[in-house]
């Protein structure tokens, strides 16, 4: 069981909160936007969604 993680780059403001809060380093900032780099590590905890002020993140169970 895994998770599909999506960043809406049009909504992302590049604050980096998701990068900081993620316990397994799913995200990193590239060109001032969050990018999913380790999707397979996602625990589905949704900590990133809770801190994302611009509602740019989506996590769906596969």
PDB file of N, CA and C in Angstrom:
ATOM      1  N   UNK A   1       0.849  -1.180   0.000  1.00  0.00           N
ATOM      2  CA  UNK A   1       0.000   0.000   0.000  1.00  0.00           C
ATOM      3  C   UNK A   1       0.888   1.234   0.000  1.00  0.00           C
ATOM      4  N   UNK A   2       0.628   2.123  -0.947  1.00  0.00           N
ATOM      5  CA  UNK A   2       1.422   3.340  -1.030  1.00  0.00           C
ATOM      6  C   UNK A   2       0.535   4.549  -1.215  1.00  0.00           C
ATOM      7  N   UNK A   3       1.178   5.668  -1.429  1.00  0.00           N
ATOM      8  CA  UNK A   3       0.463   6.932  -1.571  1.00  0.00           C
ATOM      9  C   UNK A   3       0.936   7.672  -2.805  1.00  0.00           C
ATOM     10  N   UNK A   4       0.012   8.357  -3.433  1.00  0.00           N
ATOM     11  CA  UNK A   4       0.310   9.212  -4.569  1.00  0.00           C
ATOM     12  C   UNK A   4       0.316  10.651  -4.061  1.00  0.00           C
ATOM     13  N   UNK A   5       1.429  11.335  -4.241  1.00  0.00           N
ATOM     14  CA  UNK A   5       1.607  12.687  -3.712  1.00  0.00           C
ATOM     15  C   UNK A   5       1.713  13.657  -4.878  1.00  0.00           C
ATOM     16  N   UNK A   6       0.917  14.733  -4.814  1.00  0.00           N
ATOM     17  CA  UNK A   6       0.889  15.708  -5.895  1.00  0.00           C
ATOM     18  C   UNK A   6       1.055  17.123  -5.336  1.00  0.00           C
ATOM     19  N   UNK A   7       1.849  17.921  -6.029  1.00  0.00           N
ATOM     20  CA  UNK A   7       1.993  19.346  -5.705  1.00  0.00           C
ATOM     21  C   UNK A   7       1.405  20.141  -6.868  1.00  0.00           C
ATOM     22  N   UNK A   8       0.440  20.997  -6.570  1.00  0.00           N
ATOM     23  CA  UNK A   8      -0.103  21.899  -7.576  1.00  0.00           C
ATOM     24  C   UNK A   8       0.835  23.102  -7.643  1.00  0.00           C
ATOM     25  N   UNK A   9       1.678  23.131  -8.665  1.00  0.00           N
ATOM     26  CA  UNK A   9       2.706  24.183  -8.758  1.00  0.00           C
ATOM     27  C   UNK A   9       2.106  25.571  -8.951  1.00  0.00           C
ATOM     28  N   UNK A  10       0.883  25.639  -9.458  1.00  0.00           N
ATOM     29  CA  UNK A  10       0.228  26.938  -9.611  1.00  0.00           C
ATOM     30  C   UNK A  10      -0.185  27.512  -8.255  1.00  0.00           C
ATOM     31  N   UNK A  11      -0.464  26.638  -7.286  1.00  0.00           N
ATOM     32  CA  UNK A  11      -0.851  27.079  -5.946  1.00  0.00           C
ATOM     33  C   UNK A  11       0.343  27.219  -5.000  1.00  0.00           C
ATOM     34  N   UNK A  12       1.384  26.424  -5.221  1.00  0.00           N
ATOM     35  CA  UNK A  12       2.549  26.410  -4.324  1.00  0.00           C
ATOM     36  C   UNK A  12       3.239  27.766  -4.302  1.00  0.00           C
ATOM     37  N   UNK A  13       3.458  28.282  -3.087  1.00  0.00           N
ATOM     38  CA  UNK A  13       4.129  29.578  -2.935  1.00  0.00           C
ATOM     39  C   UNK A  13       5.603  29.421  -2.545  1.00  0.00           C
ATOM     40  N   UNK A  14       6.065  28.190  -2.414  1.00  0.00           N
ATOM     41  CA  UNK A  14       7.476  27.951  -2.137  1.00  0.00           C
ATOM     42  C   UNK A  14       7.918  28.255  -0.721  1.00  0.00           C
ATOM     43  N   UNK A  15       6.997  28.155   0.238  1.00  0.00           N
ATOM     44  CA  UNK A  15       7.339  28.500   1.628  1.00  0.00           C
ATOM     45  C   UNK A  15       8.250  27.458   2.284  1.00  0.00           C
ATOM     46  N   UNK A  16       8.197  26.213   1.794  1.00  0.00           N
ATOM     47  CA  UNK A  16       9.060  25.162   2.334  1.00  0.00           C
ATOM     48  C   UNK A  16       8.550  24.483   3.592  1.00  0.00           C
ATOM     49  N   UNK A  17       7.350  24.828   4.026  1.00  0.00           N
ATOM     50  CA  UNK A  17       6.803  24.203   5.242  1.00  0.00           C
ATOM     51  C   UNK A  17       6.667  22.692   5.080  1.00  0.00           C
ATOM     52  N   UNK A  18       6.241  22.237   3.910  1.00  0.00           N
ATOM     53  CA  UNK A  18       6.084  20.792   3.677  1.00  0.00           C
ATOM     54  C   UNK A  18       7.438  20.085   3.751  1.00  0.00           C
ATOM     55  N   UNK A  19       8.457  20.743   3.217  1.00  0.00           N
ATOM     56  CA  UNK A  19       9.812  20.186   3.258  1.00  0.00           C
ATOM     57  C   UNK A  19      10.267  20.022   4.704  1.00  0.00           C
ATOM     58  N   UNK A  20      10.007  21.043   5.524  1.00  0.00           N
ATOM     59  CA  UNK A  20      10.442  21.043   6.917  1.00  0.00           C
ATOM     60  C   UNK A  20       9.690  20.034   7.781  1.00  0.00           C
ATOM     61  N   UNK A  21       8.384  19.877   7.537  1.00  0.00           N
ATOM     62  CA  UNK A  21       7.563  19.052   8.422  1.00  0.00           C
ATOM     63  C   UNK A  21       7.574  17.564   8.048  1.00  0.00           C
ATOM     64  N   UNK A  22       7.882  17.232   6.822  1.00  0.00           N
ATOM     65  CA  UNK A  22       7.822  15.830   6.384  1.00  0.00           C
ATOM     66  C   UNK A  22       8.884  14.985   7.088  1.00  0.00           C
ATOM     67  N   UNK A  23       8.446  13.921   7.791  1.00  0.00           N
ATOM     68  CA  UNK A  23       9.403  13.095   8.538  1.00  0.00           C
ATOM     69  C   UNK A  23      10.268  12.182   7.667  1.00  0.00           C
ATOM     70  N   UNK A  24       9.889  12.000   6.401  1.00  0.00           N
ATOM     71  CA  UNK A  24      10.633  11.081   5.537  1.00  0.00           C
ATOM     72  C   UNK A  24      11.159  11.739   4.254  1.00  0.00           C
ATOM     73  N   UNK A  25      11.215  13.070   4.242  1.00  0.00           N
ATOM     74  CA  UNK A  25      11.820  13.838   3.150  1.00  0.00           C
ATOM     75  C   UNK A  25      11.230  13.528   1.777  1.00  0.00           C
ATOM     76  N   UNK A  26       9.902  13.568   1.692  1.00  0.00           N
ATOM     77  CA  UNK A  26       9.220  13.357   0.415  1.00  0.00           C
ATOM     78  C   UNK A  26       9.450  14.536  -0.531  1.00  0.00           C
ATOM     79  N   UNK A  27       9.582  15.746   0.032  1.00  0.00           N
ATOM     80  CA  UNK A  27       9.673  16.966  -0.776  1.00  0.00           C
ATOM     81  C   UNK A  27      11.046  17.619  -0.685  1.00  0.00           C
ATOM     82  N   UNK A  28      11.337  18.418  -1.715  1.00  0.00           N
ATOM     83  CA  UNK A  28      12.432  19.377  -1.629  1.00  0.00           C
ATOM     84  C   UNK A  28      12.031  20.586  -2.469  1.00  0.00           C
ATOM     85  N   UNK A  29      12.660  21.724  -2.186  1.00  0.00           N
ATOM     86  CA  UNK A  29      12.375  22.934  -2.955  1.00  0.00           C
ATOM     87  C   UNK A  29      13.288  22.984  -4.173  1.00  0.00           C
ATOM     88  N   UNK A  30      12.673  23.213  -5.326  1.00  0.00           N
ATOM     89  CA  UNK A  30      13.419  23.397  -6.569  1.00  0.00           C
ATOM     90  C   UNK A  30      12.793  24.575  -7.294  1.00  0.00           C
ATOM     91  N   UNK A  31      13.601  25.557  -7.647  1.00  0.00           N
ATOM     92  CA  UNK A  31      13.112  26.761  -8.329  1.00  0.00           C
ATOM     93  C   UNK A  31      11.955  27.413  -7.568  1.00  0.00           C
ATOM     94  N   UNK A  32      12.089  27.468  -6.251  1.00  0.00           N
ATOM     95  CA  UNK A  32      11.115  28.106  -5.355  1.00  0.00           C
ATOM     96  C   UNK A  32       9.740  27.439  -5.361  1.00  0.00           C
ATOM     97  N   UNK A  33       9.708  26.152  -5.650  1.00  0.00           N
ATOM     98  CA  UNK A  33       8.468  25.369  -5.588  1.00  0.00           C
ATOM     99  C   UNK A  33       8.774  24.029  -4.928  1.00  0.00           C
ATOM    100  N   UNK A  34       7.783  23.482  -4.210  1.00  0.00           N
ATOM    101  CA  UNK A  34       7.944  22.145  -3.635  1.00  0.00           C
ATOM    102  C   UNK A  34       7.842  21.108  -4.754  1.00  0.00           C
ATOM    103  N   UNK A  35       8.728  20.120  -4.694  1.00  0.00           N
ATOM    104  CA  UNK A  35       8.743  19.051  -5.683  1.00  0.00           C
ATOM    105  C   UNK A  35       8.776  17.722  -4.931  1.00  0.00           C
ATOM    106  N   UNK A  36       8.000  16.748  -5.412  1.00  0.00           N
ATOM    107  CA  UNK A  36       7.990  15.415  -4.816  1.00  0.00           C
ATOM    108  C   UNK A  36       9.205  14.659  -5.333  1.00  0.00           C
ATOM    109  N   UNK A  37      10.103  14.262  -4.406  1.00  0.00           N
ATOM    110  CA  UNK A  37      11.325  13.567  -4.810  1.00  0.00           C
ATOM    111  C   UNK A  37      11.420  12.151  -4.250  1.00  0.00           C
ATOM    112  N   UNK A  38      10.642  11.845  -3.208  1.00  0.00           N
ATOM    113  CA  UNK A  38      10.668  10.510  -2.598  1.00  0.00           C
ATOM    114  C   UNK A  38       9.252  10.029  -2.299  1.00  0.00           C
ATOM    115  N   UNK A  39       8.408   9.999  -3.331  1.00  0.00           N
ATOM    116  CA  UNK A  39       7.003   9.641  -3.153  1.00  0.00           C
ATOM    117  C   UNK A  39       6.826   8.277  -2.488  1.00  0.00           C
ATOM    118  N   UNK A  40       7.705   7.343  -2.803  1.00  0.00           N
ATOM    119  CA  UNK A  40       7.592   5.985  -2.260  1.00  0.00           C
ATOM    120  C   UNK A  40       7.803   5.934  -0.748  1.00  0.00           C
ATOM    121  N   UNK A  41       8.377   6.995  -0.179  1.00  0.00           N
ATOM    122  CA  UNK A  41       8.613   7.055   1.265  1.00  0.00           C
ATOM    123  C   UNK A  41       7.413   7.608   2.045  1.00  0.00           C
ATOM    124  N   UNK A  42       6.431   8.171   1.353  1.00  0.00           N
ATOM    125  CA  UNK A  42       5.297   8.822   2.012  1.00  0.00           C
ATOM    126  C   UNK A  42       4.574   7.869   2.954  1.00  0.00           C
ATOM    127  N   UNK A  43       4.336   8.350   4.180  1.00  0.00           N
ATOM    128  CA  UNK A  43       3.655   7.571   5.212  1.00  0.00           C
ATOM    129  C   UNK A  43       2.153   7.836   5.251  1.00  0.00           C
ATOM    130  N   UNK A  44       1.715   8.826   4.499  1.00  0.00           N
ATOM    131  CA  UNK A  44       0.305   9.190   4.504  1.00  0.00           C
ATOM    132  C   UNK A  44      -0.135   9.911   5.757  1.00  0.00           C
ATOM    133  N   UNK A  45       0.803  10.514   6.472  1.00  0.00           N
ATOM    134  CA  UNK A  45       0.485  11.176   7.747  1.00  0.00           C
ATOM    135  C   UNK A  45      -0.223  12.519   7.546  1.00  0.00           C
ATOM    136  N   UNK A  46      -0.095  13.084   6.347  1.00  0.00           N
ATOM    137  CA  UNK A  46      -0.729  14.349   5.962  1.00  0.00           C
ATOM    138  C   UNK A  46      -0.265  15.562   6.771  1.00  0.00           C
ATOM    139  N   UNK A  47       0.893  15.459   7.414  1.00  0.00           N
ATOM    140  CA  UNK A  47       1.472  16.613   8.121  1.00  0.00           C
ATOM    141  C   UNK A  47       1.706  17.762   7.148  1.00  0.00           C
ATOM    142  N   UNK A  48       2.127  17.433   5.947  1.00  0.00           N
ATOM    143  CA  UNK A  48       2.395  18.456   4.939  1.00  0.00           C
ATOM    144  C   UNK A  48       1.121  19.206   4.557  1.00  0.00           C
ATOM    145  N   UNK A  49       0.030  18.488   4.423  1.00  0.00           N
ATOM    146  CA  UNK A  49      -1.245  19.106   4.068  1.00  0.00           C
ATOM    147  C   UNK A  49      -1.685  20.079   5.165  1.00  0.00           C
ATOM    148  N   UNK A  50      -1.468  19.695   6.411  1.00  0.00           N
ATOM    149  CA  UNK A  50      -1.860  20.537   7.543  1.00  0.00           C
ATOM    150  C   UNK A  50      -1.109  21.863   7.576  1.00  0.00           C
ATOM    151  N   UNK A  51       0.154  21.887   7.138  1.00  0.00           N
ATOM    152  CA  UNK A  51       0.954  23.111   7.200  1.00  0.00           C
ATOM    153  C   UNK A  51       0.942  23.915   5.901  1.00  0.00           C
ATOM    154  N   UNK A  52       0.365  23.355   4.844  1.00  0.00           N
ATOM    155  CA  UNK A  52       0.357  24.038   3.548  1.00  0.00           C
ATOM    156  C   UNK A  52      -0.742  25.102   3.517  1.00  0.00           C
ATOM    157  N   UNK A  53      -0.324  26.360   3.612  1.00  0.00           N
ATOM    158  CA  UNK A  53      -1.264  27.480   3.645  1.00  0.00           C
ATOM    159  C   UNK A  53      -1.959  27.704   2.307  1.00  0.00           C
ATOM    160  N   UNK A  54      -1.349  27.259   1.214  1.00  0.00           N
ATOM    161  CA  UNK A  54      -1.915  27.502  -0.115  1.00  0.00           C
ATOM    162  C   UNK A  54      -2.707  26.311  -0.658  1.00  0.00           C
ATOM    163  N   UNK A  55      -2.874  25.258   0.150  1.00  0.00           N
ATOM    164  CA  UNK A  55      -3.634  24.061  -0.248  1.00  0.00           C
ATOM    165  C   UNK A  55      -3.133  23.484  -1.567  1.00  0.00           C
ATOM    166  N   UNK A  56      -1.818  23.405  -1.712  1.00  0.00           N
ATOM    167  CA  UNK A  56      -1.216  22.951  -2.959  1.00  0.00           C
ATOM    168  C   UNK A  56      -0.928  21.455  -2.989  1.00  0.00           C
ATOM    169  N   UNK A  57      -1.151  20.754  -1.871  1.00  0.00           N
ATOM    170  CA  UNK A  57      -0.757  19.343  -1.777  1.00  0.00           C
ATOM    171  C   UNK A  57      -1.954  18.413  -1.755  1.00  0.00           C
ATOM    172  N   UNK A  58      -1.767  17.252  -2.396  1.00  0.00           N
ATOM    173  CA  UNK A  58      -2.778  16.209  -2.394  1.00  0.00           C
ATOM    174  C   UNK A  58      -2.079  14.876  -2.138  1.00  0.00           C
ATOM    175  N   UNK A  59      -2.657  14.084  -1.223  1.00  0.00           N
ATOM    176  CA  UNK A  59      -2.152  12.738  -0.972  1.00  0.00           C
ATOM    177  C   UNK A  59      -3.322  11.780  -1.120  1.00  0.00           C
ATOM    178  N   UNK A  60      -3.149  10.783  -1.988  1.00  0.00           N
ATOM    179  CA  UNK A  60      -4.186   9.783  -2.207  1.00  0.00           C
ATOM    180  C   UNK A  60      -3.607   8.400  -1.997  1.00  0.00           C
ATOM    181  N   UNK A  61      -4.391   7.543  -1.354  1.00  0.00           N
ATOM    182  CA  UNK A  61      -3.964   6.170  -1.132  1.00  0.00           C
ATOM    183  C   UNK A  61      -4.072   5.397  -2.439  1.00  0.00           C
ATOM    184  N   UNK A  62      -3.027   4.643  -2.771  1.00  0.00           N
ATOM    185  CA  UNK A  62      -3.046   3.839  -4.008  1.00  0.00           C
ATOM    186  C   UNK A  62      -3.819   2.556  -3.800  1.00  0.00           C
TER     187      UNK A  62
END
